[in-house]
Amino acid sequence: MRIGRNLTQAEVAAVIGLEPKSFSKIERGITGCSIDTLVLLSDYFQVTLDYLVFGNNQKLSNIKDRLNDLVDQIAIIRDSLDSP
C-alpha cells in the first residue's frame, strides 16, 4: 500500500507516530505492532483491519458504499410494506 502510493517509510511513520526504523521493522515482519498502530494504519490507508492482518482486499470505501446500498434497499422495502 505504501509503495503503491509513493510514500516513504518515514512519511507513514510520522503520520502514525512511530520512528521510521520501528515502522520499517513492522513492515518487514521483524516485529509486530500494537492494535492501536493497526487502527492508525487502517484509518490512514482507508482499509479494514482484516485487510491489514489477513490481506482481505475490501477497501473501507467499498464497504461503506455497499452498506449505503443496503440501507437504500431496506428503505424501498419498508416503503412498499407501508403502502396500502
Protein backbone atom coordinates (compact mmCIF):
# COMPACT_ATOMS: atom_id res chain seq x y z
CA MET A 1 0.00 0.00 0.00
CA ARG A 2 2.71 2.43 0.98
CA ILE A 3 4.79 1.85 -2.13
CA GLY A 4 1.70 1.95 -4.35
CA ARG A 5 1.02 5.44 -3.06
CA ASN A 6 4.65 6.54 -3.47
CA LEU A 7 5.10 7.09 0.26
CA THR A 8 8.30 6.59 2.17
CA GLN A 9 8.51 4.63 5.39
CA ALA A 10 9.43 7.89 7.14
CA GLU A 11 6.27 9.61 5.85
CA VAL A 12 3.96 6.86 7.08
CA ALA A 13 5.86 6.51 10.35
CA ALA A 14 5.46 10.24 11.03
CA VAL A 15 1.71 10.09 10.45
CA ILE A 16 1.20 7.20 12.86
CA GLY A 17 3.70 8.45 15.44
CA LEU A 18 6.49 5.90 15.06
CA GLU A 19 10.18 6.18 14.35
CA PRO A 20 10.98 5.21 10.74
CA LYS A 21 13.22 2.38 11.95
CA SER A 22 10.36 0.93 14.01
CA PHE A 23 7.93 1.16 11.12
CA SER A 24 10.48 -0.49 8.84
CA LYS A 25 10.71 -3.47 11.22
CA ILE A 26 6.93 -3.79 11.33
CA GLU A 27 6.63 -3.57 7.56
CA ARG A 28 9.29 -6.24 7.07
CA GLY A 29 7.67 -8.53 9.63
CA ILE A 30 10.59 -8.41 12.03
CA THR A 31 8.42 -7.10 14.86
CA GLY A 32 4.70 -6.90 15.43
CA CYS A 33 2.73 -3.82 16.30
CA SER A 34 0.01 -2.81 18.69
CA ILE A 35 -3.69 -2.79 17.90
CA ASP A 36 -3.52 0.99 18.20
CA THR A 37 -0.93 1.11 15.41
CA LEU A 38 -3.05 -1.19 13.25
CA VAL A 39 -6.05 1.09 13.76
CA LEU A 40 -3.98 4.15 12.81
CA LEU A 41 -2.71 2.39 9.67
CA SER A 42 -6.23 1.24 8.80
CA ASP A 43 -7.54 4.77 9.11
CA TYR A 44 -4.63 6.31 7.21
CA PHE A 45 -4.85 3.91 4.27
CA GLN A 46 -8.66 3.66 4.45
CA VAL A 47 -8.67 -0.13 4.59
CA THR A 48 -10.18 -2.54 7.07
CA LEU A 49 -8.24 -4.23 9.83
CA ASP A 50 -8.95 -7.52 8.01
CA TYR A 51 -7.02 -6.20 5.05
CA LEU A 52 -4.03 -5.27 7.18
CA VAL A 53 -3.98 -8.52 9.11
CA PHE A 54 -5.24 -11.09 6.59
CA GLY A 55 -4.87 -9.40 3.21
CA ASN A 56 -8.63 -9.21 2.59
CA ASN A 57 -8.96 -6.83 -0.36
CA GLN A 58 -12.07 -4.92 0.72
CA LYS A 59 -11.42 -1.19 0.87
CA LEU A 60 -13.28 0.75 3.53
CA SER A 61 -14.97 2.93 0.92
CA ASN A 62 -16.30 -0.21 -0.83
CA ILE A 63 -17.80 -1.43 2.43
CA LYS A 64 -19.39 1.96 3.07
CA ASP A 65 -20.84 2.02 -0.46
CA ARG A 66 -22.27 -1.49 -0.02
CA LEU A 67 -23.80 -0.56 3.33
CA ASN A 68 -25.39 2.54 1.81
CA ASP A 69 -26.84 0.39 -0.98
CA LEU A 70 -28.31 -1.99 1.60
CA VAL A 71 -29.82 0.90 3.56
CA ASP A 72 -31.44 2.19 0.35
CA GLN A 73 -32.84 -1.26 -0.43
CA ILE A 74 -34.23 -1.59 3.08
CA ALA A 75 -35.91 1.81 2.76
CA ILE A 76 -37.55 0.75 -0.52
CA ILE A 77 -38.82 -2.48 1.06
CA ARG A 78 -40.07 -0.63 4.15
CA ASP A 79 -41.88 1.94 1.97
CA SER A 80 -43.53 -0.83 -0.08
CA LEU A 81 -44.73 -2.53 3.11
CA ASP A 82 -46.14 0.75 4.45
CA SER A 83 -48.12 1.39 1.26
CA PRO A 84 -51.76 0.22 1.27
